[in-house]
Amino acid sequence: MIHNVRVAAILLVAVLAGCGENVYDPSDPGFANPPRNIEGIAWDGSSVALQWKSPGDIPDSVIAGYRIKYNGIEDSVPRVPTKYILRNLPQGMTAFGLLTVLKNGVVSQPIMFQWAPAARFDSQPVIIYEAGGPSLILPVGLHIGSRTTDPYAIVLQSGVQPVLHLILFGAGAQPLKLQSASYVIQNGLITLFSPTSHASPDLDYFLSSYPSTYNTDETPVFDNTIYYVRFRGDGGEYNYARLHVRVTPGAAYPNRSVEIRVSLQRLGELQLALLGKQDGPPTLAGLLPLFGRVAGMRN
């Protein structure tokens, strides 16, 4: 047993440290490279979707498929399509290992990554209107959600301090912005935006890693764009979310509005993904349950 753990440790260290660029050699039937360009998305509150590319240097004709190992489970995936949804996941981060399987039974070293599911609100987007217009009865703010609440629109009222995270601002026919609630409420909750955003028709935008920098309290609004936010949730902790913003067509100041669809990480302080950018290398104790017969790397 001690010998097997030492062998597994040596192999895992080699995987994490990297072994340089390997090139497929048809004369070496015992070699396979892992998949590449892995991307993921929090599909819903209990599912994660993954997509990837084949190793590239290995002919498709010799690839049988792929394996995904996580939480003591092993799923086999056909060679095409290189996309898979993993369902019934627990809340929080799940560590995955993705491996290439050749037709001769050889299995590659694993590519390690982590991803978390997140609640998703697509079917009924929240609609908010630009603040600063003449109307005081339309919702101009958004409560993004929390561990216990779903996203909802907010009408600002004098003397009322709602649990507000951001507003849509466009007074004086200025270009629309999303702004932190701290702009309109004294001691209001601060919402920070990542400088990273992505043009997309919906929330189904796969990422190689989740943004880690949040450094501005406002951002310009562009149609069909995903924004990444860090905001104050229940009990003072911070939550993360993806916001897909669609500008209502044909409207002019002061009647402009946007639809916002939300992918919400309900667990405080938890981002959605760590893919090749872990804060530290995974521990041997954490990785061993993923692999079973690590030392053999074969069926």
C-alpha atoms as a PDB file:
ATOM      1  CA  MET A   1       0.000   0.000   0.000  1.00  0.00           C
ATOM      2  CA  ILE A   2       2.784   2.458   0.892  1.00  0.00           C
ATOM      3  CA  HIS A   3       4.574   1.580  -2.357  1.00  0.00           C
ATOM      4  CA  ASN A   4       1.400   2.212  -4.407  1.00  0.00           C
ATOM      5  CA  VAL A   5       0.823   5.615  -2.762  1.00  0.00           C
ATOM      6  CA  ARG A   6       4.439   6.603  -3.469  1.00  0.00           C
ATOM      7  CA  VAL A   7       4.087   5.592  -7.116  1.00  0.00           C
ATOM      8  CA  ALA A   8       0.814   7.526  -7.384  1.00  0.00           C
ATOM      9  CA  ALA A   9       2.403  10.556  -5.742  1.00  0.00           C
ATOM     10  CA  ILE A  10       5.291  10.530  -8.217  1.00  0.00           C
ATOM     11  CA  LEU A  11       2.877  10.310 -11.152  1.00  0.00           C
ATOM     12  CA  LEU A  12       0.663  13.088  -9.838  1.00  0.00           C
ATOM     13  CA  VAL A  13       3.598  15.389  -9.221  1.00  0.00           C
ATOM     14  CA  ALA A  14       4.682  14.792 -12.800  1.00  0.00           C
ATOM     15  CA  VAL A  15       1.194  15.635 -14.030  1.00  0.00           C
ATOM     16  CA  LEU A  16       0.985  18.856 -12.017  1.00  0.00           C
ATOM     17  CA  ALA A  17       4.497  19.991 -12.843  1.00  0.00           C
ATOM     18  CA  GLY A  18       4.084  19.306 -16.560  1.00  0.00           C
ATOM     19  CA  CYS A  19       6.235  17.114 -18.719  1.00  0.00           C
ATOM     20  CA  GLY A  20       6.785  19.408 -21.698  1.00  0.00           C
ATOM     21  CA  GLU A  21       5.216  19.090 -25.109  1.00  0.00           C
ATOM     22  CA  ASN A  22       4.705  15.472 -26.080  1.00  0.00           C
ATOM     23  CA  VAL A  23       4.187  14.394 -29.676  1.00  0.00           C
ATOM     24  CA  TYR A  24       2.170  11.359 -30.670  1.00  0.00           C
ATOM     25  CA  ASP A  25       4.336   8.529 -31.935  1.00  0.00           C
ATOM     26  CA  PRO A  26       2.497   5.669 -33.706  1.00  0.00           C
ATOM     27  CA  SER A  27       5.361   3.371 -32.792  1.00  0.00           C
ATOM     28  CA  ASP A  28       4.634   3.939 -29.061  1.00  0.00           C
ATOM     29  CA  PRO A  29       1.231   2.325 -28.424  1.00  0.00           C
ATOM     30  CA  GLY A  30       1.466   3.143 -24.700  1.00  0.00           C
ATOM     31  CA  PHE A  31       1.324   6.922 -24.993  1.00  0.00           C
ATOM     32  CA  ALA A  32      -1.604   9.376 -25.124  1.00  0.00           C
ATOM     33  CA  ASN A  33      -1.872  13.105 -24.479  1.00  0.00           C
ATOM     34  CA  PRO A  34      -4.798  14.521 -22.468  1.00  0.00           C
ATOM     35  CA  PRO A  35      -7.537  16.712 -23.955  1.00  0.00           C
ATOM     36  CA  ARG A  36      -6.836  20.430 -24.374  1.00  0.00           C
ATOM     37  CA  ASN A  37      -8.637  23.783 -24.283  1.00  0.00           C
ATOM     38  CA  ILE A  38     -11.078  22.714 -21.561  1.00  0.00           C
ATOM     39  CA  GLU A  39     -13.876  25.204 -20.911  1.00  0.00           C
ATOM     40  CA  GLY A  40     -16.849  25.068 -18.587  1.00  0.00           C
ATOM     41  CA  ILE A  41     -20.049  26.728 -17.529  1.00  0.00           C
ATOM     42  CA  ALA A  42     -22.302  26.548 -14.481  1.00  0.00           C
ATOM     43  CA  TRP A  43     -25.283  25.012 -16.281  1.00  0.00           C
ATOM     44  CA  ASP A  44     -27.748  25.258 -13.389  1.00  0.00           C
ATOM     45  CA  GLY A  45     -27.912  24.849  -9.628  1.00  0.00           C
ATOM     46  CA  SER A  46     -26.725  21.236  -9.722  1.00  0.00           C
ATOM     47  CA  SER A  47     -25.023  20.845 -13.117  1.00  0.00           C
ATOM     48  CA  VAL A  48     -21.812  21.835 -14.868  1.00  0.00           C
ATOM     49  CA  ALA A  49     -21.279  21.666 -18.636  1.00  0.00           C
ATOM     50  CA  LEU A  50     -17.821  21.072 -20.111  1.00  0.00           C
ATOM     51  CA  GLN A  51     -16.362  21.260 -23.581  1.00  0.00           C
ATOM     52  CA  TRP A  52     -12.854  20.575 -24.841  1.00  0.00           C
ATOM     53  CA  LYS A  53     -10.744  19.781 -27.877  1.00  0.00           C
ATOM     54  CA  SER A  54      -9.017  16.554 -28.759  1.00  0.00           C
ATOM     55  CA  PRO A  55      -5.287  16.316 -27.951  1.00  0.00           C
ATOM     56  CA  GLY A  56      -4.497  17.556 -31.443  1.00  0.00           C
ATOM     57  CA  ASP A  57      -1.378  15.504 -32.038  1.00  0.00           C
ATOM     58  CA  ILE A  58      -3.306  12.222 -31.869  1.00  0.00           C
ATOM     59  CA  PRO A  59      -5.317  11.128 -34.941  1.00  0.00           C
ATOM     60  CA  ASP A  60      -9.039  10.939 -34.208  1.00  0.00           C
ATOM     61  CA  SER A  61      -9.002   7.446 -35.668  1.00  0.00           C
ATOM     62  CA  VAL A  62      -7.104   6.077 -32.642  1.00  0.00           C
ATOM     63  CA  ILE A  63      -9.210   7.863 -29.975  1.00  0.00           C
ATOM     64  CA  ALA A  64     -12.008   5.795 -28.427  1.00  0.00           C
ATOM     65  CA  GLY A  65     -13.349   8.631 -26.255  1.00  0.00           C
ATOM     66  CA  TYR A  66     -12.733  10.380 -22.943  1.00  0.00           C
ATOM     67  CA  ARG A  67     -13.227   9.863 -19.224  1.00  0.00           C
ATOM     68  CA  ILE A  68     -14.296  12.345 -16.580  1.00  0.00           C
ATOM     69  CA  LYS A  69     -13.544  11.419 -12.959  1.00  0.00           C
ATOM     70  CA  TYR A  70     -15.035  13.249  -9.993  1.00  0.00           C
ATOM     71  CA  ASN A  71     -16.350  12.492  -6.501  1.00  0.00           C
ATOM     72  CA  GLY A  72     -15.482   8.809  -6.911  1.00  0.00           C
ATOM     73  CA  ILE A  73     -17.527   8.652 -10.133  1.00  0.00           C
ATOM     74  CA  GLU A  74     -16.213   7.858 -13.601  1.00  0.00           C
ATOM     75  CA  ASP A  75     -18.174   8.868 -16.709  1.00  0.00           C
ATOM     76  CA  SER A  76     -17.211   7.661 -20.168  1.00  0.00           C
ATOM     77  CA  VAL A  77     -17.752  10.115 -23.021  1.00  0.00           C
ATOM     78  CA  PRO A  78     -17.781   9.294 -26.774  1.00  0.00           C
ATOM     79  CA  ARG A  79     -15.134  10.802 -29.051  1.00  0.00           C
ATOM     80  CA  VAL A  80     -17.717  13.222 -30.461  1.00  0.00           C
ATOM     81  CA  PRO A  81     -19.142  15.576 -29.472  1.00  0.00           C
ATOM     82  CA  THR A  82     -16.442  16.827 -27.115  1.00  0.00           C
ATOM     83  CA  LYS A  83     -19.032  18.267 -24.765  1.00  0.00           C
ATOM     84  CA  TYR A  84     -20.730  16.879 -21.669  1.00  0.00           C
ATOM     85  CA  ILE A  85     -23.120  17.950 -18.895  1.00  0.00           C
ATOM     86  CA  LEU A  86     -22.466  16.547 -15.426  1.00  0.00           C
ATOM     87  CA  ARG A  87     -25.643  16.541 -13.347  1.00  0.00           C
ATOM     88  CA  ASN A  88     -26.646  16.039  -9.702  1.00  0.00           C
ATOM     89  CA  LEU A  89     -23.532  17.747  -8.372  1.00  0.00           C
ATOM     90  CA  PRO A  90     -23.360  19.081  -4.812  1.00  0.00           C
ATOM     91  CA  GLN A  91     -23.142  22.776  -4.095  1.00  0.00           C
ATOM     92  CA  GLY A  92     -19.615  24.145  -4.102  1.00  0.00           C
ATOM     93  CA  MET A  93     -16.518  23.222  -6.051  1.00  0.00           C
ATOM     94  CA  THR A  94     -16.133  19.784  -7.582  1.00  0.00           C
ATOM     95  CA  ALA A  95     -12.669  18.612  -8.681  1.00  0.00           C
ATOM     96  CA  PHE A  96     -12.624  16.900 -12.072  1.00  0.00           C
ATOM     97  CA  GLY A  97     -10.048  14.919 -14.015  1.00  0.00           C
ATOM     98  CA  LEU A  98     -10.409  14.670 -17.811  1.00  0.00           C
ATOM     99  CA  LEU A  99      -8.499  11.950 -19.668  1.00  0.00           C
ATOM    100  CA  THR A 100      -8.118  10.717 -23.256  1.00  0.00           C
ATOM    101  CA  VAL A 101      -8.820   7.014 -23.915  1.00  0.00           C
ATOM    102  CA  LEU A 102      -7.294   5.338 -26.970  1.00  0.00           C
ATOM    103  CA  LYS A 103      -8.835   2.378 -28.777  1.00  0.00           C
ATOM    104  CA  ASN A 104      -5.975   0.163 -27.588  1.00  0.00           C
ATOM    105  CA  GLY A 105      -6.968   0.883 -23.957  1.00  0.00           C
ATOM    106  CA  VAL A 106      -4.231   3.371 -23.127  1.00  0.00           C
ATOM    107  CA  VAL A 107      -5.390   6.262 -20.925  1.00  0.00           C
ATOM    108  CA  SER A 108      -3.663   9.646 -20.813  1.00  0.00           C
ATOM    109  CA  GLN A 109      -2.557  11.569 -17.794  1.00  0.00           C
ATOM    110  CA  PRO A 110      -5.405  13.676 -16.357  1.00  0.00           C
ATOM    111  CA  ILE A 111      -6.026  17.367 -16.797  1.00  0.00           C
ATOM    112  CA  MET A 112      -7.233  18.712 -13.443  1.00  0.00           C
ATOM    113  CA  PHE A 113      -9.746  21.508 -12.924  1.00  0.00           C
ATOM    114  CA  GLN A 114     -12.540  22.601 -10.599  1.00  0.00           C
ATOM    115  CA  TRP A 115     -15.993  23.983 -11.310  1.00  0.00           C
ATOM    116  CA  ALA A 116     -19.147  24.775  -9.320  1.00  0.00           C
ATOM    117  CA  PRO A 117     -22.816  24.767 -10.328  1.00  0.00           C
ATOM    118  CA  ALA A 118     -24.850  27.964  -9.879  1.00  0.00           C
ATOM    119  CA  ALA A 119     -28.533  28.856  -9.822  1.00  0.00           C
ATOM    120  CA  ARG A 120     -29.743  30.191 -13.134  1.00  0.00           C
ATOM    121  CA  PHE A 121     -32.623  32.504 -13.990  1.00  0.00           C
ATOM    122  CA  ASP A 122     -33.300  32.519 -17.741  1.00  0.00           C
ATOM    123  CA  SER A 123     -37.000  32.007 -18.320  1.00  0.00           C
ATOM    124  CA  GLN A 124     -38.179  35.232 -16.695  1.00  0.00           C
ATOM    125  CA  PRO A 125     -35.519  37.940 -17.049  1.00  0.00           C
ATOM    126  CA  VAL A 126     -35.586  40.910 -14.695  1.00  0.00           C
ATOM    127  CA  ILE A 127     -36.470  44.146 -16.528  1.00  0.00           C
ATOM    128  CA  ILE A 128     -35.191  47.456 -15.158  1.00  0.00           C
ATOM    129  CA  TYR A 129     -35.466  50.995 -16.550  1.00  0.00           C
ATOM    130  CA  GLU A 130     -33.037  53.874 -16.600  1.00  0.00           C
ATOM    131  CA  ALA A 131     -32.867  55.939 -13.436  1.00  0.00           C
ATOM    132  CA  GLY A 132     -33.055  59.699 -13.822  1.00  0.00           C
ATOM    133  CA  GLY A 133     -36.064  59.712 -16.121  1.00  0.00           C
ATOM    134  CA  PRO A 134     -39.330  61.413 -15.260  1.00  0.00           C
ATOM    135  CA  SER A 135     -41.084  58.289 -14.023  1.00  0.00           C
ATOM    136  CA  LEU A 136     -40.758  57.270 -10.371  1.00  0.00           C
ATOM    137  CA  ILE A 137     -42.938  54.171 -10.585  1.00  0.00           C
ATOM    138  CA  LEU A 138     -40.796  51.915 -12.764  1.00  0.00           C
ATOM    139  CA  PRO A 139     -38.135  49.608 -11.328  1.00  0.00           C
ATOM    140  CA  VAL A 140     -34.646  50.980 -11.931  1.00  0.00           C
ATOM    141  CA  GLY A 141     -32.682  48.696  -9.592  1.00  0.00           C
ATOM    142  CA  LEU A 142     -31.768  45.027  -9.326  1.00  0.00           C
ATOM    143  CA  HIS A 143     -31.458  42.768  -6.323  1.00  0.00           C
ATOM    144  CA  ILE A 144     -29.133  40.121  -7.779  1.00  0.00           C
ATOM    145  CA  GLY A 145     -30.061  37.479  -5.214  1.00  0.00           C
ATOM    146  CA  SER A 146     -28.442  35.692  -2.300  1.00  0.00           C
ATOM    147  CA  ARG A 147     -28.318  32.348  -0.554  1.00  0.00           C
ATOM    148  CA  THR A 148     -32.046  32.598   0.149  1.00  0.00           C
ATOM    149  CA  THR A 149     -33.480  35.049  -2.398  1.00  0.00           C
ATOM    150  CA  ASP A 150     -33.874  35.091  -6.179  1.00  0.00           C
ATOM    151  CA  PRO A 151     -33.183  38.131  -8.409  1.00  0.00           C
ATOM    152  CA  TYR A 152     -35.896  40.800  -8.556  1.00  0.00           C
ATOM    153  CA  ALA A 153     -36.425  44.372  -9.776  1.00  0.00           C
ATOM    154  CA  ILE A 154     -36.719  47.291  -7.349  1.00  0.00           C
ATOM    155  CA  VAL A 155     -38.604  50.586  -7.492  1.00  0.00           C
ATOM    156  CA  LEU A 156     -36.696  53.297  -5.624  1.00  0.00           C
ATOM    157  CA  GLN A 157     -38.827  55.129  -3.069  1.00  0.00           C
ATOM    158  CA  SER A 158     -37.938  58.118  -0.936  1.00  0.00           C
ATOM    159  CA  GLY A 159     -36.983  57.113   2.597  1.00  0.00           C
ATOM    160  CA  VAL A 160     -36.846  53.393   1.779  1.00  0.00           C
ATOM    161  CA  GLN A 161     -33.570  51.466   1.992  1.00  0.00           C
ATOM    162  CA  PRO A 162     -34.095  48.335  -0.145  1.00  0.00           C
ATOM    163  CA  VAL A 163     -31.598  45.497  -0.450  1.00  0.00           C
ATOM    164  CA  LEU A 164     -30.351  46.884  -3.728  1.00  0.00           C
ATOM    165  CA  HIS A 165     -27.231  45.793  -5.612  1.00  0.00           C
ATOM    166  CA  LEU A 166     -27.186  47.888  -8.783  1.00  0.00           C
ATOM    167  CA  ILE A 167     -29.141  50.380 -10.882  1.00  0.00           C
ATOM    168  CA  LEU A 168     -29.469  51.207 -14.565  1.00  0.00           C
ATOM    169  CA  PHE A 169     -28.390  54.837 -15.031  1.00  0.00           C
ATOM    170  CA  GLY A 170     -28.848  57.045 -18.072  1.00  0.00           C
ATOM    171  CA  ALA A 171     -29.951  60.511 -16.913  1.00  0.00           C
ATOM    172  CA  GLY A 172     -29.790  63.267 -19.502  1.00  0.00           C
ATOM    173  CA  ALA A 173     -29.723  60.770 -22.370  1.00  0.00           C
ATOM    174  CA  GLN A 174     -26.218  59.663 -21.395  1.00  0.00           C
ATOM    175  CA  PRO A 175     -25.091  56.212 -22.547  1.00  0.00           C
ATOM    176  CA  LEU A 176     -26.559  53.571 -20.258  1.00  0.00           C
ATOM    177  CA  LYS A 177     -24.479  52.275 -17.349  1.00  0.00           C
ATOM    178  CA  LEU A 178     -24.866  49.672 -14.666  1.00  0.00           C
ATOM    179  CA  GLN A 179     -23.877  51.238 -11.353  1.00  0.00           C
ATOM    180  CA  SER A 180     -23.366  49.963  -7.830  1.00  0.00           C
ATOM    181  CA  ALA A 181     -26.198  50.679  -5.373  1.00  0.00           C
ATOM    182  CA  SER A 182     -23.732  52.833  -3.459  1.00  0.00           C
ATOM    183  CA  TYR A 183     -24.323  55.544  -6.103  1.00  0.00           C
ATOM    184  CA  VAL A 184     -27.938  56.076  -5.036  1.00  0.00           C
ATOM    185  CA  ILE A 185     -28.272  54.835  -1.438  1.00  0.00           C
ATOM    186  CA  GLN A 186     -26.288  56.260   1.454  1.00  0.00           C
ATOM    187  CA  ASN A 187     -24.160  53.441   2.879  1.00  0.00           C
ATOM    188  CA  GLY A 188     -25.570  51.282   0.103  1.00  0.00           C
ATOM    189  CA  LEU A 189     -24.193  47.884  -0.798  1.00  0.00           C
ATOM    190  CA  ILE A 190     -21.139  48.022  -3.042  1.00  0.00           C
ATOM    191  CA  THR A 191     -21.253  45.931  -6.197  1.00  0.00           C
ATOM    192  CA  LEU A 192     -18.032  45.582  -8.174  1.00  0.00           C
ATOM    193  CA  PHE A 193     -17.707  44.649 -11.837  1.00  0.00           C
ATOM    194  CA  SER A 194     -14.908  42.703 -13.460  1.00  0.00           C
ATOM    195  CA  PRO A 195     -13.096  44.395 -16.357  1.00  0.00           C
ATOM    196  CA  THR A 196     -13.779  41.129 -18.199  1.00  0.00           C
ATOM    197  CA  SER A 197     -17.022  40.902 -20.173  1.00  0.00           C
ATOM    198  CA  HIS A 198     -18.115  38.762 -23.109  1.00  0.00           C
ATOM    199  CA  ALA A 199     -20.412  39.383 -26.056  1.00  0.00           C
ATOM    200  CA  SER A 200     -22.961  36.551 -26.154  1.00  0.00           C
ATOM    201  CA  PRO A 201     -26.618  36.062 -27.132  1.00  0.00           C
ATOM    202  CA  ASP A 202     -27.293  34.295 -23.795  1.00  0.00           C
ATOM    203  CA  LEU A 203     -25.649  32.926 -20.640  1.00  0.00           C
ATOM    204  CA  ASP A 204     -24.324  29.850 -22.472  1.00  0.00           C
ATOM    205  CA  TYR A 205     -20.796  31.232 -22.767  1.00  0.00           C
ATOM    206  CA  PHE A 206     -18.069  28.734 -21.910  1.00  0.00           C
ATOM    207  CA  LEU A 207     -15.008  29.948 -20.002  1.00  0.00           C
ATOM    208  CA  SER A 208     -11.499  28.608 -19.575  1.00  0.00           C
ATOM    209  CA  SER A 209     -11.399  30.257 -16.136  1.00  0.00           C
ATOM    210  CA  TYR A 210     -13.624  32.546 -14.113  1.00  0.00           C
ATOM    211  CA  PRO A 211     -12.606  36.227 -13.774  1.00  0.00           C
ATOM    212  CA  SER A 212     -10.721  36.982 -10.555  1.00  0.00           C
ATOM    213  CA  THR A 213     -10.466  40.804 -10.694  1.00  0.00           C
ATOM    214  CA  TYR A 214     -13.329  43.112  -9.657  1.00  0.00           C
ATOM    215  CA  ASN A 215     -12.216  46.723  -9.514  1.00  0.00           C
ATOM    216  CA  THR A 216     -14.913  49.121 -10.751  1.00  0.00           C
ATOM    217  CA  ASP A 217     -18.317  50.114  -9.375  1.00  0.00           C
ATOM    218  CA  GLU A 218     -19.859  50.943 -12.761  1.00  0.00           C
ATOM    219  CA  THR A 219     -19.704  49.673 -16.314  1.00  0.00           C
ATOM    220  CA  PRO A 220     -21.128  50.787 -19.686  1.00  0.00           C
ATOM    221  CA  VAL A 221     -24.033  48.752 -21.019  1.00  0.00           C
ATOM    222  CA  PHE A 222     -23.716  46.904 -24.311  1.00  0.00           C
ATOM    223  CA  ASP A 223     -26.399  44.772 -25.884  1.00  0.00           C
ATOM    224  CA  ASN A 224     -26.112  40.987 -25.495  1.00  0.00           C
ATOM    225  CA  THR A 225     -23.169  41.095 -23.117  1.00  0.00           C
ATOM    226  CA  ILE A 226     -22.263  39.034 -20.043  1.00  0.00           C
ATOM    227  CA  TYR A 227     -20.916  40.952 -17.049  1.00  0.00           C
ATOM    228  CA  TYR A 228     -19.256  39.429 -13.985  1.00  0.00           C
ATOM    229  CA  VAL A 229     -20.015  40.905 -10.563  1.00  0.00           C
ATOM    230  CA  ARG A 230     -19.002  40.558  -6.927  1.00  0.00           C
ATOM    231  CA  PHE A 231     -21.641  41.801  -4.487  1.00  0.00           C
ATOM    232  CA  ARG A 232     -22.668  41.695  -0.839  1.00  0.00           C
ATOM    233  CA  GLY A 233     -24.995  38.838   0.041  1.00  0.00           C
ATOM    234  CA  ASP A 234     -26.570  37.440   3.215  1.00  0.00           C
ATOM    235  CA  GLY A 235     -24.695  37.913   6.461  1.00  0.00           C
ATOM    236  CA  GLY A 236     -22.141  40.276   4.950  1.00  0.00           C
ATOM    237  CA  GLU A 237     -20.359  37.712   2.774  1.00  0.00           C
ATOM    238  CA  TYR A 238     -19.701  38.342  -0.909  1.00  0.00           C
ATOM    239  CA  ASN A 239     -21.364  36.454  -3.712  1.00  0.00           C
ATOM    240  CA  TYR A 240     -20.510  36.176  -7.415  1.00  0.00           C
ATOM    241  CA  ALA A 241     -22.815  36.232 -10.420  1.00  0.00           C
ATOM    242  CA  ARG A 242     -22.902  36.421 -14.189  1.00  0.00           C
ATOM    243  CA  LEU A 243     -25.362  38.940 -15.648  1.00  0.00           C
ATOM    244  CA  HIS A 244     -26.499  38.682 -19.243  1.00  0.00           C
ATOM    245  CA  VAL A 245     -27.803  42.076 -20.377  1.00  0.00           C
ATOM    246  CA  ARG A 246     -30.034  42.613 -23.398  1.00  0.00           C
ATOM    247  CA  VAL A 247     -30.991  46.183 -24.324  1.00  0.00           C
ATOM    248  CA  THR A 248     -34.662  46.639 -25.219  1.00  0.00           C
ATOM    249  CA  PRO A 249     -34.700  47.642 -28.912  1.00  0.00           C
ATOM    250  CA  GLY A 250     -36.328  50.802 -30.204  1.00  0.00           C
ATOM    251  CA  ALA A 251     -36.559  52.693 -26.901  1.00  0.00           C
ATOM    252  CA  ALA A 252     -35.120  56.185 -26.429  1.00  0.00           C
ATOM    253  CA  TYR A 253     -34.397  58.327 -23.380  1.00  0.00           C
ATOM    254  CA  PRO A 254     -36.063  58.471 -20.893  1.00  0.00           C
ATOM    255  CA  ASN A 255     -37.729  55.115 -21.541  1.00  0.00           C
ATOM    256  CA  ARG A 256     -34.751  52.824 -22.149  1.00  0.00           C
ATOM    257  CA  SER A 257     -34.643  49.484 -20.376  1.00  0.00           C
ATOM    258  CA  VAL A 258     -32.704  46.229 -20.256  1.00  0.00           C
ATOM    259  CA  GLU A 259     -33.470  42.572 -19.628  1.00  0.00           C
ATOM    260  CA  ILE A 260     -31.102  40.891 -17.175  1.00  0.00           C
ATOM    261  CA  ARG A 261     -30.666  37.135 -16.873  1.00  0.00           C
ATOM    262  CA  VAL A 262     -28.704  35.934 -13.864  1.00  0.00           C
ATOM    263  CA  SER A 263     -26.432  33.003 -13.072  1.00  0.00           C
ATOM    264  CA  LEU A 264     -26.026  33.231  -9.293  1.00  0.00           C
ATOM    265  CA  GLN A 265     -23.494  31.521  -7.050  1.00  0.00           C
ATOM    266  CA  ARG A 266     -25.453  31.268  -3.820  1.00  0.00           C
ATOM    267  CA  LEU A 267     -22.495  30.176  -1.674  1.00  0.00           C
ATOM    268  CA  GLY A 268     -20.661  33.147  -0.247  1.00  0.00           C
ATOM    269  CA  GLU A 269     -17.070  33.853  -1.285  1.00  0.00           C
ATOM    270  CA  LEU A 270     -17.165  31.095  -3.917  1.00  0.00           C
ATOM    271  CA  GLN A 271     -16.348  31.793  -7.544  1.00  0.00           C
ATOM    272  CA  LEU A 272     -17.524  29.448 -10.263  1.00  0.00           C
ATOM    273  CA  ALA A 273     -14.348  27.949 -11.640  1.00  0.00           C
ATOM    274  CA  LEU A 274     -10.677  27.210 -11.140  1.00  0.00           C
ATOM    275  CA  LEU A 275      -9.165  25.749 -14.274  1.00  0.00           C
ATOM    276  CA  GLY A 276      -5.403  25.496 -14.343  1.00  0.00           C
ATOM    277  CA  LYS A 277      -5.255  28.521 -12.035  1.00  0.00           C
ATOM    278  CA  GLN A 278      -5.668  26.976  -8.620  1.00  0.00           C
ATOM    279  CA  ASP A 279      -4.355  28.990  -5.664  1.00  0.00           C
ATOM    280  CA  GLY A 280      -2.081  26.037  -4.959  1.00  0.00           C
ATOM    281  CA  PRO A 281      -1.518  22.563  -6.364  1.00  0.00           C
ATOM    282  CA  PRO A 282      -4.163  19.996  -5.473  1.00  0.00           C
ATOM    283  CA  THR A 283      -3.082  17.755  -2.630  1.00  0.00           C
ATOM    284  CA  LEU A 284      -2.364  14.076  -3.112  1.00  0.00           C
ATOM    285  CA  ALA A 285      -5.104  13.241  -0.613  1.00  0.00           C
ATOM    286  CA  GLY A 286      -7.574  15.289  -2.644  1.00  0.00           C
ATOM    287  CA  LEU A 287      -6.616  13.791  -5.995  1.00  0.00           C
ATOM    288  CA  LEU A 288      -6.253  10.089  -5.220  1.00  0.00           C
ATOM    289  CA  PRO A 289     -10.016   9.406  -4.895  1.00  0.00           C
ATOM    290  CA  LEU A 290     -10.458  10.594  -8.494  1.00  0.00           C
ATOM    291  CA  PHE A 291      -8.291   8.033 -10.151  1.00  0.00           C
ATOM    292  CA  GLY A 292      -8.468   4.535  -8.709  1.00  0.00           C
ATOM    293  CA  ARG A 293      -5.602   2.679 -10.437  1.00  0.00           C
ATOM    294  CA  VAL A 294      -3.417   5.737 -10.924  1.00  0.00           C
ATOM    295  CA  ALA A 295      -0.180   3.806 -11.212  1.00  0.00           C
ATOM    296  CA  GLY A 296      -1.382   1.715 -14.145  1.00  0.00           C
ATOM    297  CA  MET A 297      -2.951   4.450 -16.304  1.00  0.00           C
ATOM    298  CA  ARG A 298      -4.614   1.620 -18.266  1.00  0.00           C
ATOM    299  CA  ASN A 299      -7.822  -0.355 -18.085  1.00  0.00           C
END
